[in-house]
Amino acid sequence: MEVGLLAALRAAVQASGLAWRGAFAVEERDGVPAFTDGRAARTVVLLGFAGSAHWAGFAASDEAHDGAPDPLDRWSRRQIEALARRFDGTGLYPSDGPPWLPFQRWAARAEAVHPSPLGILIHPAWGLWHAYRGALALATELAVERLMVAPSPCATCAARPCLSRCPVDAIGTGRYDWRRCAEHVRSPSGEDCLTRGCRARLACPVGAEHRYEPAEAEFHMRAFLRSRG
């Protein structure tokens, strides 16, 4: 029964336009909230994007064109809530809080991701070109795949071009000056960063074939500017 449920869930996630970003059996230390009816979550499935292939599903949606705020968040929530209703689960989201749910820690439980010098989690295949749009918590303990451990690609990257490509030196080891970054992106000299994406992120050689297309990159950069006032 669990095997059939897992296969059905995977197929439903694929049909939703989201990517299956790994799953894990819940432990007390994970801090996964209980269901509103008091049941404990037993399995968490992370959902999101991997590379640029999943962008088209959102780009064709009503949310992408209705002019209301937070279109990607609303589209993601709509897809995940539909999965939650179908599989008797509950949706969990990075934007819900405070308190904020520990999505980066959950990601490390589900996939072979590691912190990068930019503060973004790096994946050995997708590089920096991936995102977690939410999670589905289930009261059923599914036989999820065992986490495949892989070293961080950053550990063997001597050049670390991500730390030297920012045109205004807003990024360095252990620091990020978002004010300087936002000021530059808003300026005429920052047009390239606005329309193609962060140069520091683009400099990373890992998963370069999965870089976001210009429309997706600009969408995220404009969302960044709105979030910073």
C-alpha atoms as a PDB file:
ATOM      1  CA  MET A   1       0.000   0.000   0.000  1.00  0.00           C
ATOM      2  CA  GLU A   2       2.774   2.459   0.923  1.00  0.00           C
ATOM      3  CA  VAL A   3       4.666   1.610  -2.278  1.00  0.00           C
ATOM      4  CA  GLY A   4       1.560   2.354  -4.330  1.00  0.00           C
ATOM      5  CA  LEU A   5       0.963   5.572  -2.404  1.00  0.00           C
ATOM      6  CA  LEU A   6       4.528   6.706  -2.950  1.00  0.00           C
ATOM      7  CA  ALA A   7       4.305   6.062  -6.700  1.00  0.00           C
ATOM      8  CA  ALA A   8       0.976   7.883  -6.933  1.00  0.00           C
ATOM      9  CA  LEU A   9       2.352  10.826  -4.992  1.00  0.00           C
ATOM     10  CA  ARG A  10       5.422  11.082  -7.211  1.00  0.00           C
ATOM     11  CA  ALA A  11       3.225  11.049 -10.314  1.00  0.00           C
ATOM     12  CA  ALA A  12       0.934  13.714  -8.860  1.00  0.00           C
ATOM     13  CA  VAL A  13       3.875  15.960  -7.997  1.00  0.00           C
ATOM     14  CA  GLN A  14       5.204  15.675 -11.538  1.00  0.00           C
ATOM     15  CA  ALA A  15       1.769  16.517 -12.963  1.00  0.00           C
ATOM     16  CA  SER A  16       1.483  19.565 -10.695  1.00  0.00           C
ATOM     17  CA  GLY A  17       4.454  21.271 -12.332  1.00  0.00           C
ATOM     18  CA  LEU A  18       6.585  21.039  -9.204  1.00  0.00           C
ATOM     19  CA  ALA A  19       9.731  18.997  -8.724  1.00  0.00           C
ATOM     20  CA  TRP A  20      10.129  16.236  -6.152  1.00  0.00           C
ATOM     21  CA  ARG A  21      12.986  17.549  -4.008  1.00  0.00           C
ATOM     22  CA  GLY A  22      13.464  14.560  -1.721  1.00  0.00           C
ATOM     23  CA  ALA A  23      11.724  13.249   1.361  1.00  0.00           C
ATOM     24  CA  PHE A  24      12.575  12.114   4.871  1.00  0.00           C
ATOM     25  CA  ALA A  25      11.047  10.226   7.767  1.00  0.00           C
ATOM     26  CA  VAL A  26      10.271  12.736  10.502  1.00  0.00           C
ATOM     27  CA  GLU A  27      12.236  12.720  13.743  1.00  0.00           C
ATOM     28  CA  GLU A  28      11.463  14.850  16.795  1.00  0.00           C
ATOM     29  CA  ARG A  29      14.534  17.018  16.188  1.00  0.00           C
ATOM     30  CA  ASP A  30      13.218  18.065  12.756  1.00  0.00           C
ATOM     31  CA  GLY A  31      10.672  20.459  14.238  1.00  0.00           C
ATOM     32  CA  VAL A  32       7.871  19.473  11.851  1.00  0.00           C
ATOM     33  CA  PRO A  33       4.562  20.793  13.214  1.00  0.00           C
ATOM     34  CA  ALA A  34       1.737  18.407  13.999  1.00  0.00           C
ATOM     35  CA  PHE A  35      -1.484  18.379  12.008  1.00  0.00           C
ATOM     36  CA  THR A  36      -4.271  20.651  13.234  1.00  0.00           C
ATOM     37  CA  ASP A  37      -6.143  17.558  14.428  1.00  0.00           C
ATOM     38  CA  GLY A  38      -3.206  16.526  16.599  1.00  0.00           C
ATOM     39  CA  ARG A  39      -1.767  13.793  14.387  1.00  0.00           C
ATOM     40  CA  ALA A  40       2.004  13.692  14.098  1.00  0.00           C
ATOM     41  CA  ALA A  41       3.689  14.126  10.744  1.00  0.00           C
ATOM     42  CA  ARG A  42       5.569  10.948   9.802  1.00  0.00           C
ATOM     43  CA  THR A  43       6.942  11.864   6.352  1.00  0.00           C
ATOM     44  CA  VAL A  44       7.877  15.188   4.761  1.00  0.00           C
ATOM     45  CA  VAL A  45       8.235  15.599   1.003  1.00  0.00           C
ATOM     46  CA  LEU A  46      10.018  18.729  -0.199  1.00  0.00           C
ATOM     47  CA  LEU A  47       8.676  20.341  -3.359  1.00  0.00           C
ATOM     48  CA  GLY A  48      10.096  23.025  -5.575  1.00  0.00           C
ATOM     49  CA  PHE A  49      11.970  23.760  -8.773  1.00  0.00           C
ATOM     50  CA  ALA A  50      15.133  22.166 -10.159  1.00  0.00           C
ATOM     51  CA  GLY A  51      16.784  24.007 -13.015  1.00  0.00           C
ATOM     52  CA  SER A  52      14.592  26.010 -15.376  1.00  0.00           C
ATOM     53  CA  ALA A  53      12.363  23.179 -16.626  1.00  0.00           C
ATOM     54  CA  HIS A  54       9.559  23.833 -14.117  1.00  0.00           C
ATOM     55  CA  TRP A  55       9.274  27.557 -14.817  1.00  0.00           C
ATOM     56  CA  ALA A  56       6.937  27.103 -17.786  1.00  0.00           C
ATOM     57  CA  GLY A  57       4.145  25.672 -15.623  1.00  0.00           C
ATOM     58  CA  PHE A  58       4.062  28.770 -13.453  1.00  0.00           C
ATOM     59  CA  ALA A  59       4.576  31.167 -16.373  1.00  0.00           C
ATOM     60  CA  ALA A  60       1.404  29.858 -18.034  1.00  0.00           C
ATOM     61  CA  SER A  61      -0.695  30.097 -14.852  1.00  0.00           C
ATOM     62  CA  ASP A  62      -3.389  32.599 -13.905  1.00  0.00           C
ATOM     63  CA  GLU A  63      -1.283  33.752 -10.946  1.00  0.00           C
ATOM     64  CA  ALA A  64       1.567  34.770 -13.249  1.00  0.00           C
ATOM     65  CA  HIS A  65      -0.708  37.178 -15.121  1.00  0.00           C
ATOM     66  CA  ASP A  66      -3.333  38.441 -12.644  1.00  0.00           C
ATOM     67  CA  GLY A  67      -1.232  41.339 -11.331  1.00  0.00           C
ATOM     68  CA  ALA A  68      -1.742  40.424  -7.673  1.00  0.00           C
ATOM     69  CA  PRO A  69       1.199  40.259  -5.255  1.00  0.00           C
ATOM     70  CA  ASP A  70       3.314  37.153  -4.694  1.00  0.00           C
ATOM     71  CA  PRO A  71       2.257  35.215  -7.794  1.00  0.00           C
ATOM     72  CA  LEU A  72       4.799  32.397  -7.450  1.00  0.00           C
ATOM     73  CA  ASP A  73       3.990  31.872  -3.779  1.00  0.00           C
ATOM     74  CA  ARG A  74       0.271  31.745  -4.558  1.00  0.00           C
ATOM     75  CA  TRP A  75       0.749  29.320  -7.450  1.00  0.00           C
ATOM     76  CA  SER A  76       2.994  27.084  -5.338  1.00  0.00           C
ATOM     77  CA  ARG A  77       0.497  27.075  -2.500  1.00  0.00           C
ATOM     78  CA  ARG A  78      -2.343  26.194  -4.866  1.00  0.00           C
ATOM     79  CA  GLN A  79      -0.445  23.193  -6.223  1.00  0.00           C
ATOM     80  CA  ILE A  80       0.665  21.962  -2.813  1.00  0.00           C
ATOM     81  CA  GLU A  81      -2.739  22.388  -1.208  1.00  0.00           C
ATOM     82  CA  ALA A  82      -4.268  20.297  -4.001  1.00  0.00           C
ATOM     83  CA  LEU A  83      -1.721  17.564  -3.247  1.00  0.00           C
ATOM     84  CA  ALA A  84      -2.467  17.856   0.468  1.00  0.00           C
ATOM     85  CA  ARG A  85      -6.196  17.346  -0.105  1.00  0.00           C
ATOM     86  CA  ARG A  86      -5.616  14.362  -2.364  1.00  0.00           C
ATOM     87  CA  PHE A  87      -3.115  12.597  -0.078  1.00  0.00           C
ATOM     88  CA  ASP A  88      -4.485  13.592   3.350  1.00  0.00           C
ATOM     89  CA  GLY A  89      -1.517  15.778   4.107  1.00  0.00           C
ATOM     90  CA  THR A  90      -0.810  19.352   5.028  1.00  0.00           C
ATOM     91  CA  GLY A  91       1.196  21.998   3.209  1.00  0.00           C
ATOM     92  CA  LEU A  92       4.164  23.746   4.825  1.00  0.00           C
ATOM     93  CA  TYR A  93       5.757  26.890   3.370  1.00  0.00           C
ATOM     94  CA  PRO A  94       9.000  28.888   3.746  1.00  0.00           C
ATOM     95  CA  SER A  95       6.993  32.137   3.765  1.00  0.00           C
ATOM     96  CA  ASP A  96       4.884  31.141   6.784  1.00  0.00           C
ATOM     97  CA  GLY A  97       6.192  32.699   9.966  1.00  0.00           C
ATOM     98  CA  PRO A  98       7.472  33.778  12.299  1.00  0.00           C
ATOM     99  CA  PRO A  99       8.421  31.335  13.589  1.00  0.00           C
ATOM    100  CA  TRP A 100       9.998  30.273  10.294  1.00  0.00           C
ATOM    101  CA  LEU A 101      10.141  26.617   9.428  1.00  0.00           C
ATOM    102  CA  PRO A 102      13.704  25.221   9.034  1.00  0.00           C
ATOM    103  CA  PHE A 103      13.554  24.495   5.304  1.00  0.00           C
ATOM    104  CA  GLN A 104      17.312  24.550   4.793  1.00  0.00           C
ATOM    105  CA  ARG A 105      17.762  21.965   7.538  1.00  0.00           C
ATOM    106  CA  TRP A 106      14.951  19.865   6.053  1.00  0.00           C
ATOM    107  CA  ALA A 107      16.593  20.117   2.642  1.00  0.00           C
ATOM    108  CA  ALA A 108      19.800  18.630   4.037  1.00  0.00           C
ATOM    109  CA  ARG A 109      17.713  15.736   5.404  1.00  0.00           C
ATOM    110  CA  ALA A 110      16.188  15.082   1.988  1.00  0.00           C
ATOM    111  CA  GLU A 111      18.951  15.784  -0.552  1.00  0.00           C
ATOM    112  CA  ALA A 112      22.728  15.985  -0.828  1.00  0.00           C
ATOM    113  CA  VAL A 113      22.813  19.778  -0.534  1.00  0.00           C
ATOM    114  CA  HIS A 114      25.401  21.902   1.259  1.00  0.00           C
ATOM    115  CA  PRO A 115      25.808  25.576   2.188  1.00  0.00           C
ATOM    116  CA  SER A 116      27.641  27.592  -0.458  1.00  0.00           C
ATOM    117  CA  PRO A 117      29.730  30.749   0.006  1.00  0.00           C
ATOM    118  CA  LEU A 118      26.715  32.726  -1.242  1.00  0.00           C
ATOM    119  CA  GLY A 119      24.485  31.338   1.514  1.00  0.00           C
ATOM    120  CA  ILE A 120      22.368  29.434  -1.021  1.00  0.00           C
ATOM    121  CA  LEU A 121      22.300  25.657  -0.746  1.00  0.00           C
ATOM    122  CA  ILE A 122      24.299  24.059  -3.547  1.00  0.00           C
ATOM    123  CA  HIS A 123      23.264  20.762  -5.125  1.00  0.00           C
ATOM    124  CA  PRO A 124      25.875  18.507  -6.783  1.00  0.00           C
ATOM    125  CA  ALA A 125      23.853  18.360 -10.026  1.00  0.00           C
ATOM    126  CA  TRP A 126      21.639  21.472 -10.031  1.00  0.00           C
ATOM    127  CA  GLY A 127      24.267  23.760  -8.565  1.00  0.00           C
ATOM    128  CA  LEU A 128      22.640  26.966  -7.302  1.00  0.00           C
ATOM    129  CA  TRP A 129      19.753  26.664  -9.753  1.00  0.00           C
ATOM    130  CA  HIS A 130      17.020  25.175  -7.639  1.00  0.00           C
ATOM    131  CA  ALA A 131      14.454  26.266  -5.061  1.00  0.00           C
ATOM    132  CA  TYR A 132      12.148  24.889  -2.401  1.00  0.00           C
ATOM    133  CA  ARG A 133       8.595  26.138  -2.878  1.00  0.00           C
ATOM    134  CA  GLY A 134       7.073  24.245   0.042  1.00  0.00           C
ATOM    135  CA  ALA A 135       6.652  20.822   1.591  1.00  0.00           C
ATOM    136  CA  LEU A 136       3.961  18.219   2.035  1.00  0.00           C
ATOM    137  CA  ALA A 137       3.684  16.601   5.470  1.00  0.00           C
ATOM    138  CA  LEU A 138       2.003  13.220   5.656  1.00  0.00           C
ATOM    139  CA  ALA A 139       0.739  11.232   8.637  1.00  0.00           C
ATOM    140  CA  THR A 140       1.858   8.045   6.872  1.00  0.00           C
ATOM    141  CA  GLU A 141       5.451   6.861   7.105  1.00  0.00           C
ATOM    142  CA  LEU A 142       6.496   6.164   3.537  1.00  0.00           C
ATOM    143  CA  ALA A 143       9.458   4.040   2.507  1.00  0.00           C
ATOM    144  CA  VAL A 144      11.381   6.997   1.084  1.00  0.00           C
ATOM    145  CA  GLU A 145      14.743   6.580  -0.595  1.00  0.00           C
ATOM    146  CA  ARG A 146      17.811   6.628   1.578  1.00  0.00           C
ATOM    147  CA  LEU A 147      19.711   9.911   1.453  1.00  0.00           C
ATOM    148  CA  MET A 148      22.684   9.646  -0.887  1.00  0.00           C
ATOM    149  CA  VAL A 149      25.607  11.412   0.742  1.00  0.00           C
ATOM    150  CA  ALA A 150      27.809  13.488  -1.572  1.00  0.00           C
ATOM    151  CA  PRO A 151      30.567  15.995  -0.782  1.00  0.00           C
ATOM    152  CA  SER A 152      30.011  19.681  -1.343  1.00  0.00           C
ATOM    153  CA  PRO A 153      31.174  20.852  -4.785  1.00  0.00           C
ATOM    154  CA  CYS A 154      32.499  23.972  -3.070  1.00  0.00           C
ATOM    155  CA  ALA A 155      35.053  21.911  -1.133  1.00  0.00           C
ATOM    156  CA  THR A 156      37.121  21.322  -4.269  1.00  0.00           C
ATOM    157  CA  CYS A 157      36.525  24.711  -5.910  1.00  0.00           C
ATOM    158  CA  ALA A 158      39.773  26.591  -5.366  1.00  0.00           C
ATOM    159  CA  ALA A 159      38.928  29.611  -7.531  1.00  0.00           C
ATOM    160  CA  ARG A 160      35.540  30.359  -5.931  1.00  0.00           C
ATOM    161  CA  PRO A 161      34.530  32.785  -8.707  1.00  0.00           C
ATOM    162  CA  CYS A 162      31.226  33.429  -6.935  1.00  0.00           C
ATOM    163  CA  LEU A 163      33.098  35.591  -4.410  1.00  0.00           C
ATOM    164  CA  SER A 164      34.816  37.834  -6.951  1.00  0.00           C
ATOM    165  CA  ARG A 165      32.253  38.509  -9.675  1.00  0.00           C
ATOM    166  CA  CYS A 166      29.943  40.961  -7.929  1.00  0.00           C
ATOM    167  CA  PRO A 167      30.536  44.323  -9.654  1.00  0.00           C
ATOM    168  CA  VAL A 168      30.008  46.287  -6.419  1.00  0.00           C
ATOM    169  CA  ASP A 169      31.696  43.841  -4.007  1.00  0.00           C
ATOM    170  CA  ALA A 170      28.444  43.216  -2.145  1.00  0.00           C
ATOM    171  CA  ILE A 171      29.341  39.561  -1.540  1.00  0.00           C
ATOM    172  CA  GLY A 172      32.313  38.069   0.256  1.00  0.00           C
ATOM    173  CA  THR A 173      33.181  35.220   2.571  1.00  0.00           C
ATOM    174  CA  GLY A 174      30.555  35.254   5.305  1.00  0.00           C
ATOM    175  CA  ARG A 175      29.038  38.587   4.302  1.00  0.00           C
ATOM    176  CA  TYR A 176      26.327  39.969   2.044  1.00  0.00           C
ATOM    177  CA  ASP A 177      25.590  43.696   1.786  1.00  0.00           C
ATOM    178  CA  TRP A 178      22.056  43.542   0.409  1.00  0.00           C
ATOM    179  CA  ARG A 179      21.686  47.335   0.459  1.00  0.00           C
ATOM    180  CA  ARG A 180      24.669  47.776  -1.850  1.00  0.00           C
ATOM    181  CA  CYS A 181      23.369  44.941  -4.027  1.00  0.00           C
ATOM    182  CA  ALA A 182      19.857  46.396  -4.315  1.00  0.00           C
ATOM    183  CA  GLU A 183      21.166  49.904  -5.018  1.00  0.00           C
ATOM    184  CA  HIS A 184      23.294  48.572  -7.853  1.00  0.00           C
ATOM    185  CA  VAL A 185      20.521  46.423  -9.382  1.00  0.00           C
ATOM    186  CA  ARG A 186      18.186  49.446  -9.374  1.00  0.00           C
ATOM    187  CA  SER A 187      20.771  51.621 -11.118  1.00  0.00           C
ATOM    188  CA  PRO A 188      21.420  51.857 -14.887  1.00  0.00           C
ATOM    189  CA  SER A 189      24.744  50.081 -14.412  1.00  0.00           C
ATOM    190  CA  GLY A 190      22.896  47.161 -12.820  1.00  0.00           C
ATOM    191  CA  GLU A 191      20.662  46.458 -15.817  1.00  0.00           C
ATOM    192  CA  ASP A 192      22.596  43.280 -16.642  1.00  0.00           C
ATOM    193  CA  CYS A 193      22.164  41.930 -13.107  1.00  0.00           C
ATOM    194  CA  LEU A 194      18.456  42.776 -13.212  1.00  0.00           C
ATOM    195  CA  THR A 195      17.704  41.077 -16.505  1.00  0.00           C
ATOM    196  CA  ARG A 196      20.137  38.125 -16.400  1.00  0.00           C
ATOM    197  CA  GLY A 197      20.476  37.476 -12.684  1.00  0.00           C
ATOM    198  CA  CYS A 198      23.105  37.785  -9.996  1.00  0.00           C
ATOM    199  CA  ARG A 199      26.590  37.722 -11.523  1.00  0.00           C
ATOM    200  CA  ALA A 200      28.033  35.986  -8.478  1.00  0.00           C
ATOM    201  CA  ARG A 201      25.497  33.191  -8.833  1.00  0.00           C
ATOM    202  CA  LEU A 202      26.078  32.978 -12.581  1.00  0.00           C
ATOM    203  CA  ALA A 203      29.815  32.594 -11.976  1.00  0.00           C
ATOM    204  CA  CYS A 204      29.383  29.240 -10.234  1.00  0.00           C
ATOM    205  CA  PRO A 205      30.451  26.460 -12.644  1.00  0.00           C
ATOM    206  CA  VAL A 206      28.362  23.734 -10.965  1.00  0.00           C
ATOM    207  CA  GLY A 207      25.187  22.899 -12.867  1.00  0.00           C
ATOM    208  CA  ALA A 208      25.779  25.748 -15.326  1.00  0.00           C
ATOM    209  CA  GLU A 209      23.573  24.012 -17.895  1.00  0.00           C
ATOM    210  CA  HIS A 210      20.628  24.462 -15.504  1.00  0.00           C
ATOM    211  CA  ARG A 211      20.894  28.233 -15.158  1.00  0.00           C
ATOM    212  CA  TYR A 212      17.605  30.094 -15.143  1.00  0.00           C
ATOM    213  CA  GLU A 213      16.351  31.525 -18.407  1.00  0.00           C
ATOM    214  CA  PRO A 214      16.326  35.364 -18.570  1.00  0.00           C
ATOM    215  CA  ALA A 215      12.586  35.686 -17.853  1.00  0.00           C
ATOM    216  CA  GLU A 216      12.880  33.596 -14.706  1.00  0.00           C
ATOM    217  CA  ALA A 217      16.062  35.337 -13.583  1.00  0.00           C
ATOM    218  CA  GLU A 218      14.499  38.787 -14.001  1.00  0.00           C
ATOM    219  CA  PHE A 219      11.358  37.692 -12.163  1.00  0.00           C
ATOM    220  CA  HIS A 220      13.408  36.712  -9.125  1.00  0.00           C
ATOM    221  CA  MET A 221      15.569  39.823  -9.227  1.00  0.00           C
ATOM    222  CA  ARG A 222      12.515  42.079  -9.337  1.00  0.00           C
ATOM    223  CA  ALA A 223      10.981  40.106  -6.460  1.00  0.00           C
ATOM    224  CA  PHE A 224      14.204  40.683  -4.523  1.00  0.00           C
ATOM    225  CA  LEU A 225      13.967  44.443  -5.105  1.00  0.00           C
ATOM    226  CA  ARG A 226      10.326  44.538  -3.995  1.00  0.00           C
ATOM    227  CA  SER A 227      11.200  42.658  -0.817  1.00  0.00           C
ATOM    228  CA  ARG A 228      13.807  45.292  -0.010  1.00  0.00           C
ATOM    229  CA  GLY A 229      11.470  48.247  -0.439  1.00  0.00           C
END
